[in-house]
PDB file of N, CA and C in Angstrom:
ATOM      1  N   UNK A   1     127.468 107.582   6.349  1.00  0.00           N
ATOM      2  CA  UNK A   1     127.756 107.291   4.975  1.00  0.00           C
ATOM      3  C   UNK A   1     127.359 105.851   4.624  1.00  0.00           C
ATOM      4  N   UNK A   2     127.589 104.969   5.543  1.00  0.00           N
ATOM      5  CA  UNK A   2     127.266 103.568   5.330  1.00  0.00           C
ATOM      6  C   UNK A   2     125.767 103.374   5.090  1.00  0.00           C
ATOM      7  N   UNK A   3     124.919 104.114   5.794  1.00  0.00           N
ATOM      8  CA  UNK A   3     123.474 104.024   5.637  1.00  0.00           C
ATOM      9  C   UNK A   3     123.060 104.509   4.255  1.00  0.00           C
ATOM     10  N   UNK A   4     123.648 105.607   3.790  1.00  0.00           N
ATOM     11  CA  UNK A   4     123.335 106.132   2.463  1.00  0.00           C
ATOM     12  C   UNK A   4     123.717 105.116   1.385  1.00  0.00           C
ATOM     13  N   UNK A   5     124.833 104.425   1.577  1.00  0.00           N
ATOM     14  CA  UNK A   5     125.288 103.422   0.622  1.00  0.00           C
ATOM     15  C   UNK A   5     124.308 102.255   0.571  1.00  0.00           C
ATOM     16  N   UNK A   6     123.805 101.820   1.718  1.00  0.00           N
ATOM     17  CA  UNK A   6     122.824 100.730   1.775  1.00  0.00           C
ATOM     18  C   UNK A   6     121.525 101.136   1.087  1.00  0.00           C
ATOM     19  N   UNK A   7     121.083 102.359   1.311  1.00  0.00           N
ATOM     20  CA  UNK A   7     119.855 102.856   0.674  1.00  0.00           C
ATOM     21  C   UNK A   7     120.033 102.886  -0.839  1.00  0.00           C
ATOM     22  N   UNK A   8     121.194 103.385  -1.296  1.00  0.00           N
ATOM     23  CA  UNK A   8     121.462 103.467  -2.736  1.00  0.00           C
ATOM     24  C   UNK A   8     121.480 102.081  -3.360  1.00  0.00           C
ATOM     25  N   UNK A   9     122.127 101.128  -2.685  1.00  0.00           N
ATOM     26  CA  UNK A   9     122.163  99.752  -3.195  1.00  0.00           C
ATOM     27  C   UNK A   9     120.756  99.154  -3.241  1.00  0.00           C
ATOM     28  N   UNK A  10     119.962  99.432  -2.219  1.00  0.00           N
ATOM     29  CA  UNK A  10     118.586  98.926  -2.176  1.00  0.00           C
ATOM     30  C   UNK A  10     117.748  99.491  -3.305  1.00  0.00           C
ATOM     31  N   UNK A  11     117.912 100.791  -3.570  1.00  0.00           N
ATOM     32  CA  UNK A  11     117.170 101.419  -4.658  1.00  0.00           C
ATOM     33  C   UNK A  11     117.618 100.875  -6.016  1.00  0.00           C
ATOM     34  N   UNK A  12     118.908 100.672  -6.166  1.00  0.00           N
ATOM     35  CA  UNK A  12     119.426 100.124  -7.426  1.00  0.00           C
ATOM     36  C   UNK A  12     118.898  98.711  -7.642  1.00  0.00           C
ATOM     37  N   UNK A  13     118.863  97.919  -6.584  1.00  0.00           N
ATOM     38  CA  UNK A  13     118.342  96.550  -6.688  1.00  0.00           C
ATOM     39  C   UNK A  13     116.862  96.547  -7.039  1.00  0.00           C
ATOM     40  N   UNK A  14     116.101  97.445  -6.424  1.00  0.00           N
ATOM     41  CA  UNK A  14     114.673  97.536  -6.712  1.00  0.00           C
ATOM     42  C   UNK A  14     114.444  97.977  -8.149  1.00  0.00           C
ATOM     43  N   UNK A  15     115.244  98.905  -8.628  1.00  0.00           N
ATOM     44  CA  UNK A  15     115.114  99.382 -10.004  1.00  0.00           C
ATOM     45  C   UNK A  15     115.424  98.260 -10.991  1.00  0.00           C
ATOM     46  N   UNK A  16     116.477  97.475 -10.682  1.00  0.00           N
ATOM     47  CA  UNK A  16     116.812  96.346 -11.560  1.00  0.00           C
ATOM     48  C   UNK A  16     115.706  95.313 -11.569  1.00  0.00           C
ATOM     49  N   UNK A  17     115.146  95.016 -10.419  1.00  0.00           N
ATOM     50  CA  UNK A  17     114.054  94.041 -10.344  1.00  0.00           C
ATOM     51  C   UNK A  17     112.853  94.530 -11.138  1.00  0.00           C
ATOM     52  N   UNK A  18     112.550  95.814 -11.015  1.00  0.00           N
ATOM     53  CA  UNK A  18     111.435  96.377 -11.780  1.00  0.00           C
ATOM     54  C   UNK A  18     111.681  96.301 -13.275  1.00  0.00           C
ATOM     55  N   UNK A  19     112.903  96.612 -13.693  1.00  0.00           N
ATOM     56  CA  UNK A  19     113.235  96.559 -15.118  1.00  0.00           C
ATOM     57  C   UNK A  19     113.126  95.136 -15.642  1.00  0.00           C
ATOM     58  N   UNK A  20     113.631  94.167 -14.887  1.00  0.00           N
ATOM     59  CA  UNK A  20     113.544  92.771 -15.315  1.00  0.00           C
ATOM     60  C   UNK A  20     112.090  92.316 -15.409  1.00  0.00           C
ATOM     61  N   UNK A  21     111.265  92.750 -14.472  1.00  0.00           N
ATOM     62  CA  UNK A  21     109.847  92.398 -14.511  1.00  0.00           C
ATOM     63  C   UNK A  21     109.199  92.964 -15.763  1.00  0.00           C
ATOM     64  N   UNK A  22     109.495  94.203 -16.091  1.00  0.00           N
ATOM     65  CA  UNK A  22     108.943  94.813 -17.295  1.00  0.00           C
ATOM     66  C   UNK A  22     109.407  94.086 -18.553  1.00  0.00           C
ATOM     67  N   UNK A  23     110.705  93.776 -18.605  1.00  0.00           N
ATOM     68  CA  UNK A  23     111.232  93.065 -19.762  1.00  0.00           C
ATOM     69  C   UNK A  23     110.612  91.682 -19.900  1.00  0.00           C
ATOM     70  N   UNK A  24     110.471  90.982 -18.803  1.00  0.00           N
ATOM     71  CA  UNK A  24     109.881  89.641 -18.855  1.00  0.00           C
ATOM     72  C   UNK A  24     108.437  89.731 -19.313  1.00  0.00           C
ATOM     73  N   UNK A  25     107.714  90.730 -18.859  1.00  0.00           N
ATOM     74  CA  UNK A  25     106.317  90.888 -19.245  1.00  0.00           C
ATOM     75  C   UNK A  25     106.153  91.188 -20.716  1.00  0.00           C
ATOM     76  N   UNK A  26     107.054  91.956 -21.290  1.00  0.00           N
ATOM     77  CA  UNK A  26     106.903  92.322 -22.698  1.00  0.00           C
ATOM     78  C   UNK A  26     107.327  91.183 -23.620  1.00  0.00           C
ATOM     79  N   UNK A  27     108.111  90.279 -23.124  1.00  0.00           N
ATOM     80  CA  UNK A  27     108.616  89.196 -23.965  1.00  0.00           C
ATOM     81  C   UNK A  27     107.752  87.943 -23.901  1.00  0.00           C
ATOM     82  N   UNK A  28     106.781  87.902 -23.009  1.00  0.00           N
ATOM     83  CA  UNK A  28     105.919  86.734 -22.903  1.00  0.00           C
ATOM     84  C   UNK A  28     104.960  86.744 -24.071  1.00  0.00           C
ATOM     85  N   UNK A  29     104.938  85.655 -24.794  1.00  0.00           N
ATOM     86  CA  UNK A  29     104.061  85.563 -25.953  1.00  0.00           C
ATOM     87  C   UNK A  29     102.664  85.157 -25.525  1.00  0.00           C
ATOM     88  N   UNK A  30     101.681  85.641 -26.256  1.00  0.00           N
ATOM     89  CA  UNK A  30     100.295  85.239 -26.009  1.00  0.00           C
ATOM     90  C   UNK A  30     100.166  83.770 -26.376  1.00  0.00           C
ATOM     91  N   UNK A  31      99.271  83.033 -25.702  1.00  0.00           N
ATOM     92  CA  UNK A  31      99.094  81.635 -26.042  1.00  0.00           C
ATOM     93  C   UNK A  31      98.725  81.478 -27.517  1.00  0.00           C
ATOM     94  N   UNK A  32      99.310  80.473 -28.126  1.00  0.00           N
ATOM     95  CA  UNK A  32      99.060  80.231 -29.536  1.00  0.00           C
ATOM     96  C   UNK A  32      98.151  79.024 -29.674  1.00  0.00           C
ATOM     97  N   UNK A  33      97.131  79.159 -30.506  1.00  0.00           N
ATOM     98  CA  UNK A  33      96.254  78.019 -30.716  1.00  0.00           C
ATOM     99  C   UNK A  33      97.017  76.903 -31.411  1.00  0.00           C
ATOM    100  N   UNK A  34      96.731  75.685 -30.997  1.00  0.00           N
ATOM    101  CA  UNK A  34      97.261  74.507 -31.671  1.00  0.00           C
ATOM    102  C   UNK A  34      96.085  73.604 -31.983  1.00  0.00           C
ATOM    103  N   UNK A  35      96.288  72.704 -32.926  1.00  0.00           N
ATOM    104  CA  UNK A  35      95.178  71.923 -33.454  1.00  0.00           C
ATOM    105  C   UNK A  35      95.524  70.441 -33.510  1.00  0.00           C
ATOM    106  N   UNK A  36      94.492  69.627 -33.341  1.00  0.00           N
ATOM    107  CA  UNK A  36      94.590  68.188 -33.520  1.00  0.00           C
ATOM    108  C   UNK A  36      93.330  67.728 -34.236  1.00  0.00           C
ATOM    109  N   UNK A  37      93.432  66.629 -34.957  1.00  0.00           N
ATOM    110  CA  UNK A  37      92.277  66.164 -35.735  1.00  0.00           C
ATOM    111  C   UNK A  37      92.137  64.653 -35.642  1.00  0.00           C
ATOM    112  N   UNK A  38      90.908  64.204 -35.850  1.00  0.00           N
ATOM    113  CA  UNK A  38      90.633  62.768 -35.890  1.00  0.00           C
ATOM    114  C   UNK A  38      89.727  62.472 -37.072  1.00  0.00           C
ATOM    115  N   UNK A  39      89.961  61.333 -37.690  1.00  0.00           N
ATOM    116  CA  UNK A  39      89.063  60.789 -38.723  1.00  0.00           C
ATOM    117  C   UNK A  39      88.289  59.675 -38.035  1.00  0.00           C
ATOM    118  N   UNK A  40      87.000  59.904 -37.813  1.00  0.00           N
ATOM    119  CA  UNK A  40      86.173  58.974 -37.066  1.00  0.00           C
ATOM    120  C   UNK A  40      85.355  58.155 -38.060  1.00  0.00           C
ATOM    121  N   UNK A  41      85.561  56.840 -38.000  1.00  0.00           N
ATOM    122  CA  UNK A  41      84.903  55.899 -38.906  1.00  0.00           C
ATOM    123  C   UNK A  41      84.164  54.880 -38.054  1.00  0.00           C
ATOM    124  N   UNK A  42      82.979  54.476 -38.511  1.00  0.00           N
ATOM    125  CA  UNK A  42      82.251  53.438 -37.772  1.00  0.00           C
ATOM    126  C   UNK A  42      81.888  52.304 -38.717  1.00  0.00           C
ATOM    127  N   UNK A  43      81.667  51.149 -38.121  1.00  0.00           N
ATOM    128  CA  UNK A  43      81.190  49.982 -38.862  1.00  0.00           C
ATOM    129  C   UNK A  43      79.916  49.521 -38.165  1.00  0.00           C
ATOM    130  N   UNK A  44      78.755  49.756 -38.760  1.00  0.00           N
ATOM    131  CA  UNK A  44      78.511  50.327 -40.086  1.00  0.00           C
ATOM    132  C   UNK A  44      78.646  51.852 -40.075  1.00  0.00           C
ATOM    133  N   UNK A  45      78.822  52.399 -41.289  1.00  0.00           N
ATOM    134  CA  UNK A  45      78.948  53.846 -41.454  1.00  0.00           C
ATOM    135  C   UNK A  45      77.591  54.519 -41.217  1.00  0.00           C
ATOM    136  N   UNK A  46      77.622  55.840 -41.073  1.00  0.00           N
ATOM    137  CA  UNK A  46      76.389  56.608 -40.927  1.00  0.00           C
ATOM    138  C   UNK A  46      75.937  56.815 -39.496  1.00  0.00           C
ATOM    139  N   UNK A  47      76.798  56.547 -38.531  1.00  0.00           N
ATOM    140  CA  UNK A  47      76.434  56.742 -37.123  1.00  0.00           C
ATOM    141  C   UNK A  47      76.527  58.219 -36.766  1.00  0.00           C
ATOM    142  N   UNK A  48      75.579  58.687 -35.951  1.00  0.00           N
ATOM    143  CA  UNK A  48      75.638  60.043 -35.438  1.00  0.00           C
ATOM    144  C   UNK A  48      76.698  60.130 -34.353  1.00  0.00           C
ATOM    145  N   UNK A  49      77.366  61.284 -34.276  1.00  0.00           N
ATOM    146  CA  UNK A  49      78.447  61.471 -33.303  1.00  0.00           C
ATOM    147  C   UNK A  49      78.113  62.662 -32.408  1.00  0.00           C
ATOM    148  N   UNK A  50      78.140  62.431 -31.083  1.00  0.00           N
ATOM    149  CA  UNK A  50      77.910  63.497 -30.109  1.00  0.00           C
ATOM    150  C   UNK A  50      79.114  63.568 -29.182  1.00  0.00           C
ATOM    151  N   UNK A  51      79.622  64.793 -28.970  1.00  0.00           N
ATOM    152  CA  UNK A  51      80.722  65.020 -28.050  1.00  0.00           C
ATOM    153  C   UNK A  51      80.142  65.064 -26.639  1.00  0.00           C
ATOM    154  N   UNK A  52      80.574  64.159 -25.766  1.00  0.00           N
ATOM    155  CA  UNK A  52      80.024  64.086 -24.412  1.00  0.00           C
ATOM    156  C   UNK A  52      80.482  65.236 -23.518  1.00  0.00           C
ATOM    157  N   UNK A  53      81.504  65.956 -23.915  1.00  0.00           N
ATOM    158  CA  UNK A  53      81.981  67.091 -23.112  1.00  0.00           C
ATOM    159  C   UNK A  53      80.922  68.188 -23.030  1.00  0.00           C
ATOM    160  N   UNK A  54      80.280  68.461 -24.175  1.00  0.00           N
ATOM    161  CA  UNK A  54      79.311  69.559 -24.206  1.00  0.00           C
ATOM    162  C   UNK A  54      78.006  69.196 -24.931  1.00  0.00           C
ATOM    163  N   UNK A  55      77.846  67.909 -25.247  1.00  0.00           N
ATOM    164  CA  UNK A  55      76.638  67.398 -25.924  1.00  0.00           C
ATOM    165  C   UNK A  55      76.405  68.017 -27.299  1.00  0.00           C
ATOM    166  N   UNK A  56      77.463  68.444 -27.969  1.00  0.00           N
ATOM    167  CA  UNK A  56      77.308  68.963 -29.322  1.00  0.00           C
ATOM    168  C   UNK A  56      77.322  67.817 -30.326  1.00  0.00           C
ATOM    169  N   UNK A  57      76.503  67.945 -31.342  1.00  0.00           N
ATOM    170  CA  UNK A  57      76.482  66.968 -32.424  1.00  0.00           C
ATOM    171  C   UNK A  57      77.563  67.353 -33.420  1.00  0.00           C
ATOM    172  N   UNK A  58      78.468  66.405 -33.698  1.00  0.00           N
ATOM    173  CA  UNK A  58      79.577  66.689 -34.605  1.00  0.00           C
ATOM    174  C   UNK A  58      79.236  66.345 -36.050  1.00  0.00           C
ATOM    175  N   UNK A  59      78.338  65.374 -36.245  1.00  0.00           N
ATOM    176  CA  UNK A  59      77.987  64.945 -37.594  1.00  0.00           C
ATOM    177  C   UNK A  59      77.818  63.443 -37.630  1.00  0.00           C
ATOM    178  N   UNK A  60      77.991  62.857 -38.810  1.00  0.00           N
ATOM    179  CA  UNK A  60      77.852  61.413 -39.010  1.00  0.00           C
ATOM    180  C   UNK A  60      79.141  60.830 -39.562  1.00  0.00           C
ATOM    181  N   UNK A  61      79.362  59.544 -39.255  1.00  0.00           N
ATOM    182  CA  UNK A  61      80.560  58.865 -39.757  1.00  0.00           C
ATOM    183  C   UNK A  61      80.374  58.527 -41.236  1.00  0.00           C
ATOM    184  N   UNK A  62      81.460  58.528 -41.988  1.00  0.00           N
ATOM    185  CA  UNK A  62      82.815  58.935 -41.595  1.00  0.00           C
ATOM    186  C   UNK A  62      82.901  60.456 -41.461  1.00  0.00           C
ATOM    187  N   UNK A  63      83.703  60.912 -40.500  1.00  0.00           N
ATOM    188  CA  UNK A  63      83.813  62.336 -40.214  1.00  0.00           C
ATOM    189  C   UNK A  63      85.247  62.701 -39.864  1.00  0.00           C
ATOM    190  N   UNK A  64      85.737  63.769 -40.465  1.00  0.00           N
ATOM    191  CA  UNK A  64      87.005  64.371 -40.060  1.00  0.00           C
ATOM    192  C   UNK A  64      86.656  65.581 -39.204  1.00  0.00           C
ATOM    193  N   UNK A  65      87.251  65.659 -38.012  1.00  0.00           N
ATOM    194  CA  UNK A  65      86.947  66.767 -37.109  1.00  0.00           C
ATOM    195  C   UNK A  65      88.242  67.314 -36.523  1.00  0.00           C
ATOM    196  N   UNK A  66      88.326  68.650 -36.425  1.00  0.00           N
ATOM    197  CA  UNK A  66      89.509  69.330 -35.881  1.00  0.00           C
ATOM    198  C   UNK A  66      89.154  69.941 -34.532  1.00  0.00           C
ATOM    199  N   UNK A  67      90.021  69.728 -33.540  1.00  0.00           N
ATOM    200  CA  UNK A  67      89.883  70.345 -32.221  1.00  0.00           C
ATOM    201  C   UNK A  67      90.950  71.408 -32.080  1.00  0.00           C
ATOM    202  N   UNK A  68      90.604  72.509 -31.408  1.00  0.00           N
ATOM    203  CA  UNK A  68      91.514  73.623 -31.188  1.00  0.00           C
ATOM    204  C   UNK A  68      91.761  73.770 -29.687  1.00  0.00           C
ATOM    205  N   UNK A  69      93.027  74.012 -29.307  1.00  0.00           N
ATOM    206  CA  UNK A  69      93.331  74.281 -27.907  1.00  0.00           C
ATOM    207  C   UNK A  69      94.172  75.542 -27.815  1.00  0.00           C
ATOM    208  N   UNK A  70      94.004  76.272 -26.728  1.00  0.00           N
ATOM    209  CA  UNK A  70      94.796  77.487 -26.522  1.00  0.00           C
ATOM    210  C   UNK A  70      96.055  77.203 -25.725  1.00  0.00           C
ATOM    211  N   UNK A  71      96.082  76.063 -25.021  1.00  0.00           N
ATOM    212  CA  UNK A  71      97.231  75.780 -24.152  1.00  0.00           C
ATOM    213  C   UNK A  71      98.187  74.731 -24.718  1.00  0.00           C
ATOM    214  N   UNK A  72      97.840  74.121 -25.839  1.00  0.00           N
ATOM    215  CA  UNK A  72      98.725  73.147 -26.459  1.00  0.00           C
ATOM    216  C   UNK A  72      98.775  71.793 -25.780  1.00  0.00           C
ATOM    217  N   UNK A  73      97.919  71.572 -24.784  1.00  0.00           N
ATOM    218  CA  UNK A  73      97.921  70.307 -24.064  1.00  0.00           C
ATOM    219  C   UNK A  73      96.996  69.293 -24.734  1.00  0.00           C
ATOM    220  N   UNK A  74      97.361  68.028 -24.613  1.00  0.00           N
ATOM    221  CA  UNK A  74      96.524  66.959 -25.142  1.00  0.00           C
ATOM    222  C   UNK A  74      95.152  67.014 -24.468  1.00  0.00           C
ATOM    223  N   UNK A  75      94.130  66.664 -25.232  1.00  0.00           N
ATOM    224  CA  UNK A  75      92.766  66.718 -24.709  1.00  0.00           C
ATOM    225  C   UNK A  75      92.124  65.335 -24.791  1.00  0.00           C
ATOM    226  N   UNK A  76      91.464  64.955 -23.699  1.00  0.00           N
ATOM    227  CA  UNK A  76      90.768  63.672 -23.642  1.00  0.00           C
ATOM    228  C   UNK A  76      89.383  63.867 -24.253  1.00  0.00           C
ATOM    229  N   UNK A  77      89.089  63.127 -25.301  1.00  0.00           N
ATOM    230  CA  UNK A  77      87.834  63.254 -26.039  1.00  0.00           C
ATOM    231  C   UNK A  77      86.962  62.033 -25.756  1.00  0.00           C
ATOM    232  N   UNK A  78      85.689  62.271 -25.455  1.00  0.00           N
ATOM    233  CA  UNK A  78      84.714  61.189 -25.280  1.00  0.00           C
ATOM    234  C   UNK A  78      83.539  61.461 -26.203  1.00  0.00           C
ATOM    235  N   UNK A  79      83.235  60.489 -27.049  1.00  0.00           N
ATOM    236  CA  UNK A  79      82.145  60.602 -28.005  1.00  0.00           C
ATOM    237  C   UNK A  79      81.197  59.430 -27.839  1.00  0.00           C
ATOM    238  N   UNK A  80      79.925  59.653 -28.176  1.00  0.00           N
ATOM    239  CA  UNK A  80      78.979  58.552 -28.263  1.00  0.00           C
ATOM    240  C   UNK A  80      78.510  58.491 -29.716  1.00  0.00           C
ATOM    241  N   UNK A  81      78.520  57.276 -30.268  1.00  0.00           N
ATOM    242  CA  UNK A  81      78.072  57.047 -31.634  1.00  0.00           C
ATOM    243  C   UNK A  81      76.762  56.276 -31.584  1.00  0.00           C
ATOM    244  N   UNK A  82      75.789  56.733 -32.360  1.00  0.00           N
ATOM    245  CA  UNK A  82      74.470  56.101 -32.367  1.00  0.00           C
ATOM    246  C   UNK A  82      74.025  55.826 -33.802  1.00  0.00           C
ATOM    247  N   UNK A  83      73.346  54.695 -33.949  1.00  0.00           N
ATOM    248  CA  UNK A  83      72.770  54.334 -35.250  1.00  0.00           C
ATOM    249  C   UNK A  83      71.610  53.390 -34.996  1.00  0.00           C
ATOM    250  N   UNK A  84      70.528  53.596 -35.722  1.00  0.00           N
ATOM    251  CA  UNK A  84      69.341  52.755 -35.553  1.00  0.00           C
ATOM    252  C   UNK A  84      69.696  51.288 -35.757  1.00  0.00           C
ATOM    253  N   UNK A  85      69.175  50.430 -34.865  1.00  0.00           N
ATOM    254  CA  UNK A  85      69.423  48.990 -34.956  1.00  0.00           C
ATOM    255  C   UNK A  85      70.735  48.558 -34.338  1.00  0.00           C
ATOM    256  N   UNK A  86      71.493  49.507 -33.772  1.00  0.00           N
ATOM    257  CA  UNK A  86      72.792  49.207 -33.165  1.00  0.00           C
ATOM    258  C   UNK A  86      72.869  49.811 -31.769  1.00  0.00           C
ATOM    259  N   UNK A  87      73.714  49.218 -30.951  1.00  0.00           N
ATOM    260  CA  UNK A  87      73.931  49.718 -29.587  1.00  0.00           C
ATOM    261  C   UNK A  87      74.642  51.068 -29.643  1.00  0.00           C
ATOM    262  N   UNK A  88      74.208  52.009 -28.782  1.00  0.00           N
ATOM    263  CA  UNK A  88      74.967  53.245 -28.639  1.00  0.00           C
ATOM    264  C   UNK A  88      76.348  52.867 -28.101  1.00  0.00           C
ATOM    265  N   UNK A  89      77.375  53.444 -28.675  1.00  0.00           N
ATOM    266  CA  UNK A  89      78.737  53.065 -28.314  1.00  0.00           C
ATOM    267  C   UNK A  89      79.555  54.302 -27.960  1.00  0.00           C
ATOM    268  N   UNK A  90      80.166  54.264 -26.772  1.00  0.00           N
ATOM    269  CA  UNK A  90      81.037  55.355 -26.333  1.00  0.00           C
ATOM    270  C   UNK A  90      82.474  54.995 -26.689  1.00  0.00           C
ATOM    271  N   UNK A  91      83.177  55.964 -27.237  1.00  0.00           N
ATOM    272  CA  UNK A  91      84.598  55.787 -27.512  1.00  0.00           C
ATOM    273  C   UNK A  91      85.341  56.983 -26.932  1.00  0.00           C
ATOM    274  N   UNK A  92      86.556  56.765 -26.523  1.00  0.00           N
ATOM    275  CA  UNK A  92      87.357  57.858 -25.967  1.00  0.00           C
ATOM    276  C   UNK A  92      88.794  57.729 -26.458  1.00  0.00           C
ATOM    277  N   UNK A  93      89.451  58.869 -26.583  1.00  0.00           N
ATOM    278  CA  UNK A  93      90.830  58.909 -27.075  1.00  0.00           C
ATOM    279  C   UNK A  93      91.434  60.257 -26.716  1.00  0.00           C
ATOM    280  N   UNK A  94      92.750  60.331 -26.829  1.00  0.00           N
ATOM    281  CA  UNK A  94      93.472  61.581 -26.600  1.00  0.00           C
ATOM    282  C   UNK A  94      93.776  62.229 -27.939  1.00  0.00           C
ATOM    283  N   UNK A  95      93.516  63.528 -28.026  1.00  0.00           N
ATOM    284  CA  UNK A  95      93.919  64.310 -29.200  1.00  0.00           C
ATOM    285  C   UNK A  95      95.172  65.082 -28.802  1.00  0.00           C
ATOM    286  N   UNK A  96      96.222  64.921 -29.584  1.00  0.00           N
ATOM    287  CA  UNK A  96      97.462  65.659 -29.350  1.00  0.00           C
ATOM    288  C   UNK A  96      97.485  66.841 -30.322  1.00  0.00           C
ATOM    289  N   UNK A  97      97.277  68.052 -29.816  1.00  0.00           N
ATOM    290  CA  UNK A  97      97.230  69.218 -30.702  1.00  0.00           C
ATOM    291  C   UNK A  97      98.630  69.675 -31.102  1.00  0.00           C
ATOM    292  N   UNK A  98      99.229  68.963 -32.011  1.00  0.00           N
ATOM    293  CA  UNK A  98     100.624  69.217 -32.371  1.00  0.00           C
ATOM    294  C   UNK A  98     100.778  70.032 -33.658  1.00  0.00           C
ATOM    295  N   UNK A  99      99.660  70.483 -34.214  1.00  0.00           N
ATOM    296  CA  UNK A  99      99.720  71.214 -35.481  1.00  0.00           C
ATOM    297  C   UNK A  99      99.484  72.708 -35.254  1.00  0.00           C
ATOM    298  N   UNK A 100     100.214  73.531 -36.004  1.00  0.00           N
ATOM    299  CA  UNK A 100     100.126  74.982 -35.846  1.00  0.00           C
ATOM    300  C   UNK A 100      98.906  75.578 -36.544  1.00  0.00           C
ATOM    301  N   UNK A 101      98.384  74.879 -37.550  1.00  0.00           N
ATOM    302  CA  UNK A 101      97.223  75.408 -38.271  1.00  0.00           C
ATOM    303  C   UNK A 101      96.125  74.356 -38.348  1.00  0.00           C
ATOM    304  N   UNK A 102      94.908  74.851 -38.518  1.00  0.00           N
ATOM    305  CA  UNK A 102      93.743  73.970 -38.688  1.00  0.00           C
ATOM    306  C   UNK A 102      93.925  73.101 -39.936  1.00  0.00           C
ATOM    307  N   UNK A 103      94.455  73.693 -40.998  1.00  0.00           N
ATOM    308  CA  UNK A 103      94.645  72.971 -42.262  1.00  0.00           C
ATOM    309  C   UNK A 103      95.641  71.826 -42.107  1.00  0.00           C
ATOM    310  N   UNK A 104      96.734  72.097 -41.405  1.00  0.00           N
ATOM    311  CA  UNK A 104      97.754  71.063 -41.180  1.00  0.00           C
ATOM    312  C   UNK A 104      97.167  69.898 -40.375  1.00  0.00           C
ATOM    313  N   UNK A 105      96.370  70.222 -39.363  1.00  0.00           N
ATOM    314  CA  UNK A 105      95.731  69.170 -38.562  1.00  0.00           C
ATOM    315  C   UNK A 105      94.772  68.357 -39.417  1.00  0.00           C
ATOM    316  N   UNK A 106      93.983  69.043 -40.254  1.00  0.00           N
ATOM    317  CA  UNK A 106      93.001  68.348 -41.100  1.00  0.00           C
ATOM    318  C   UNK A 106      93.675  67.404 -42.090  1.00  0.00           C
ATOM    319  N   UNK A 107      94.879  67.738 -42.506  1.00  0.00           N
ATOM    320  CA  UNK A 107      95.622  66.886 -43.438  1.00  0.00           C
ATOM    321  C   UNK A 107      96.255  65.674 -42.753  1.00  0.00           C
ATOM    322  N   UNK A 108      96.324  65.696 -41.410  1.00  0.00           N
ATOM    323  CA  UNK A 108      96.997  64.630 -40.662  1.00  0.00           C
ATOM    324  C   UNK A 108      96.147  64.124 -39.492  1.00  0.00           C
ATOM    325  N   UNK A 109      94.927  63.644 -39.765  1.00  0.00           N
ATOM    326  CA  UNK A 109      94.082  63.206 -38.653  1.00  0.00           C
ATOM    327  C   UNK A 109      94.520  61.846 -38.115  1.00  0.00           C
ATOM    328  N   UNK A 110      94.272  61.640 -36.825  1.00  0.00           N
ATOM    329  CA  UNK A 110      94.510  60.302 -36.283  1.00  0.00           C
ATOM    330  C   UNK A 110      93.256  59.472 -36.550  1.00  0.00           C
ATOM    331  N   UNK A 111      93.450  58.197 -36.827  1.00  0.00           N
ATOM    332  CA  UNK A 111      92.347  57.308 -37.198  1.00  0.00           C
ATOM    333  C   UNK A 111      91.655  56.750 -35.950  1.00  0.00           C
ATOM    334  N   UNK A 112      90.332  56.896 -35.908  1.00  0.00           N
ATOM    335  CA  UNK A 112      89.512  56.348 -34.840  1.00  0.00           C
ATOM    336  C   UNK A 112      88.448  55.478 -35.509  1.00  0.00           C
ATOM    337  N   UNK A 113      88.463  54.181 -35.212  1.00  0.00           N
ATOM    338  CA  UNK A 113      87.479  53.262 -35.784  1.00  0.00           C
ATOM    339  C   UNK A 113      86.641  52.671 -34.662  1.00  0.00           C
ATOM    340  N   UNK A 114      85.315  52.721 -34.842  1.00  0.00           N
ATOM    341  CA  UNK A 114      84.395  52.250 -33.811  1.00  0.00           C
ATOM    342  C   UNK A 114      83.467  51.203 -34.424  1.00  0.00           C
ATOM    343  N   UNK A 115      83.423  50.020 -33.780  1.00  0.00           N
ATOM    344  CA  UNK A 115      82.509  48.964 -34.220  1.00  0.00           C
ATOM    345  C   UNK A 115      81.233  49.084 -33.403  1.00  0.00           C
ATOM    346  N   UNK A 116      80.089  49.187 -34.100  1.00  0.00           N
ATOM    347  CA  UNK A 116      78.807  49.317 -33.427  1.00  0.00           C
ATOM    348  C   UNK A 116      78.112  47.960 -33.412  1.00  0.00           C
ATOM    349  N   UNK A 117      77.946  47.346 -32.245  1.00  0.00           N
ATOM    350  CA  UNK A 117      77.266  46.049 -32.188  1.00  0.00           C
ATOM    351  C   UNK A 117      75.776  46.194 -32.501  1.00  0.00           C
ATOM    352  N   UNK A 118      75.235  45.186 -33.166  1.00  0.00           N
ATOM    353  CA  UNK A 118      73.798  45.195 -33.458  1.00  0.00           C
ATOM    354  C   UNK A 118      73.023  44.972 -32.163  1.00  0.00           C
ATOM    355  N   UNK A 119      71.831  45.591 -32.100  1.00  0.00           N
ATOM    356  CA  UNK A 119      70.962  45.367 -30.959  1.00  0.00           C
ATOM    357  C   UNK A 119      70.449  43.950 -31.006  1.00  0.00           C
ATOM    358  N   UNK A 120      70.236  43.360 -29.840  1.00  0.00           N
ATOM    359  CA  UNK A 120      69.756  41.972 -29.778  1.00  0.00           C
ATOM    360  C   UNK A 120      68.272  41.920 -29.686  1.00  0.00           C
TER     361      UNK A 120
END
């Protein structure tokens, strides 16, 4: 009888563990995109901006740009700004994706100002 009781308890424990696993799986939310934005300004204005992460051209200063993340973690951004007659200048900063929508991020960009030295 004692063996049957142990088997029954083991089966009940396994069933509970399985049920909890199923419940935990159904309650896990899919990752939600979060957004962060920067207003990139240069002196002088009109500098081209390239993202060094993937070599994409973002545009020219002044520029408002929104970054999207799926994990909600801050992202280290490295950009190079170029303008004729001036030194190419690399700038880096952290974007904190604390906004739930792209629009909210665009309305609250962090200010990034880059001074481009003249070529000698």
